[in-house]
């Protein structure tokens, strides 16, 4: 079974899904922070906070998507913690687990960055 799974990892989009699972969450969290900094003066001038909330929701959706990608690959390669030594399957299993963990942590970071939007107004400095 592991040779078949290893062949599927090499031929399919699993490698891209693994890297997306690891990288999309942090990129979304950093993009949310930068976008909110860029939008806060406009939100103050316009008197509207909904763009700040929209950026946070989009960042959370991207991070959830990254975690689901990592989870899908983790399930495809066996979904366990068996130690089979070196090879494509254990490496993919490890990268998928790290992708899921990073996605959860980045969801918490995004929520923590979203809290001040609720507490403070966009014109408060």
Protein backbone atom coordinates (compact mmCIF):
# COMPACT_ATOMS: atom_id res chain seq x y z
CA UNK A 1 0.00 0.00 0.00
CA UNK A 2 2.80 2.46 0.80
CA UNK A 3 4.28 2.21 -2.68
CA UNK A 4 0.89 3.00 -4.22
CA UNK A 5 0.43 5.94 -1.85
CA UNK A 6 3.97 7.14 -2.60
CA UNK A 7 3.26 7.05 -6.32
CA UNK A 8 0.03 9.02 -5.78
CA UNK A 9 1.99 11.61 -3.78
CA UNK A 10 4.45 12.11 -6.60
CA UNK A 11 1.91 12.20 -9.42
CA UNK A 12 -0.92 14.17 -7.82
CA UNK A 13 -1.12 17.65 -6.37
CA UNK A 14 -0.32 16.41 -2.88
CA UNK A 15 3.03 18.17 -2.75
CA UNK A 16 1.41 21.51 -3.55
CA UNK A 17 -1.35 20.77 -1.03
CA UNK A 18 1.23 20.03 1.66
CA UNK A 19 3.08 23.29 1.06
CA UNK A 20 -0.18 25.23 0.89
CA UNK A 21 -1.22 23.66 4.19
CA UNK A 22 2.00 24.86 5.80
CA UNK A 23 2.32 28.31 4.21
CA UNK A 24 -1.20 29.66 3.59
CA UNK A 25 -2.08 30.16 7.27
CA UNK A 26 0.90 32.36 8.15
CA UNK A 27 0.57 34.27 4.86
CA UNK A 28 -3.13 34.89 5.59
CA UNK A 29 -2.40 36.11 9.14
CA UNK A 30 0.32 38.48 7.99
CA UNK A 31 -1.83 39.72 5.11
CA UNK A 32 -4.71 40.37 7.50
CA UNK A 33 -2.45 42.47 9.72
CA UNK A 34 -1.09 44.48 6.79
CA UNK A 35 -4.49 44.96 5.15
CA UNK A 36 -6.04 46.18 8.40
CA UNK A 37 -3.20 48.66 8.86
CA UNK A 38 -3.74 49.90 5.32
CA UNK A 39 -7.53 50.12 5.64
CA UNK A 40 -7.84 51.71 9.08
CA UNK A 41 -7.44 55.32 7.87
CA UNK A 42 -10.01 54.79 5.11
CA UNK A 43 -12.38 53.10 7.58
CA UNK A 44 -12.02 56.06 9.94
CA UNK A 45 -12.67 58.59 7.20
CA UNK A 46 -15.63 56.70 5.81
CA UNK A 47 -17.03 55.77 9.21
CA UNK A 48 -17.28 52.10 8.25
CA UNK A 49 -15.59 49.18 9.98
CA UNK A 50 -16.95 46.39 7.77
CA UNK A 51 -13.83 46.20 5.54
CA UNK A 52 -11.73 45.40 8.60
CA UNK A 53 -14.12 42.61 9.54
CA UNK A 54 -14.21 41.35 5.96
CA UNK A 55 -10.41 41.08 5.84
CA UNK A 56 -10.44 39.02 9.05
CA UNK A 57 -13.17 36.70 7.77
CA UNK A 58 -11.32 36.14 4.50
CA UNK A 59 -8.08 35.41 6.38
CA UNK A 60 -9.90 32.87 8.57
CA UNK A 61 -11.45 31.17 5.53
CA UNK A 62 -8.07 30.90 3.80
CA UNK A 63 -6.53 29.43 6.94
CA UNK A 64 -9.38 26.93 7.32
CA UNK A 65 -8.90 25.94 3.69
CA UNK A 66 -5.18 25.38 4.32
CA UNK A 67 -5.94 23.20 7.34
CA UNK A 68 -8.46 21.17 5.38
CA UNK A 69 -5.95 20.65 2.57
CA UNK A 70 -3.40 19.37 5.07
CA UNK A 71 -6.01 17.15 6.73
CA UNK A 72 -7.05 15.69 3.38
CA UNK A 73 -3.46 14.74 2.54
CA UNK A 74 -2.95 13.37 6.05
CA UNK A 75 -5.99 11.10 5.61
CA UNK A 76 -4.83 10.07 2.12
CA UNK A 77 -1.42 8.92 3.42
CA UNK A 78 -2.85 6.86 6.27
CA UNK A 79 -3.73 9.36 8.95
CA UNK A 80 -1.70 7.69 11.66
CA UNK A 81 1.63 8.04 13.40
CA UNK A 82 3.25 4.79 12.34
CA UNK A 83 7.02 5.09 12.05
CA UNK A 84 7.99 3.50 8.76
CA UNK A 85 11.40 5.10 8.54
CA UNK A 86 12.44 7.43 5.75
CA UNK A 87 10.41 7.88 2.61
CA UNK A 88 7.72 9.89 0.93
CA UNK A 89 4.80 8.65 3.03
CA UNK A 90 6.19 9.46 6.51
CA UNK A 91 7.45 12.80 5.25
CA UNK A 92 4.03 13.64 3.79
CA UNK A 93 2.36 12.53 7.02
CA UNK A 94 4.66 14.80 9.03
CA UNK A 95 4.17 17.79 6.73
CA UNK A 96 0.40 17.31 6.81
CA UNK A 97 0.39 17.18 10.62
CA UNK A 98 2.52 20.33 10.79
CA UNK A 99 0.17 22.02 8.30
CA UNK A 100 -2.85 21.21 10.48
CA UNK A 101 -1.05 22.46 13.61
CA UNK A 102 0.08 25.68 11.95
CA UNK A 103 -3.44 26.29 10.64
CA UNK A 104 -4.91 25.99 14.14
CA UNK A 105 -2.30 28.32 15.60
CA UNK A 106 -2.80 30.85 12.80
CA UNK A 107 -6.58 30.75 13.36
CA UNK A 108 -5.91 31.77 16.95
CA UNK A 109 -3.56 34.54 15.79
CA UNK A 110 -6.16 35.85 13.34
CA UNK A 111 -8.83 35.85 16.04
CA UNK A 112 -6.45 37.68 18.40
CA UNK A 113 -5.81 40.31 15.72
CA UNK A 114 -9.55 40.60 15.08
CA UNK A 115 -10.49 41.35 18.72
CA UNK A 116 -9.26 44.99 18.67
CA UNK A 117 -11.50 45.71 15.68
CA UNK A 118 -14.48 44.91 17.93
CA UNK A 119 -13.18 46.74 21.00
CA UNK A 120 -11.70 49.92 19.53
CA UNK A 121 -13.12 52.13 16.84
CA UNK A 122 -11.20 52.64 13.64
CA UNK A 123 -10.55 56.29 14.57
CA UNK A 124 -9.11 55.51 17.98
CA UNK A 125 -5.29 55.73 18.13
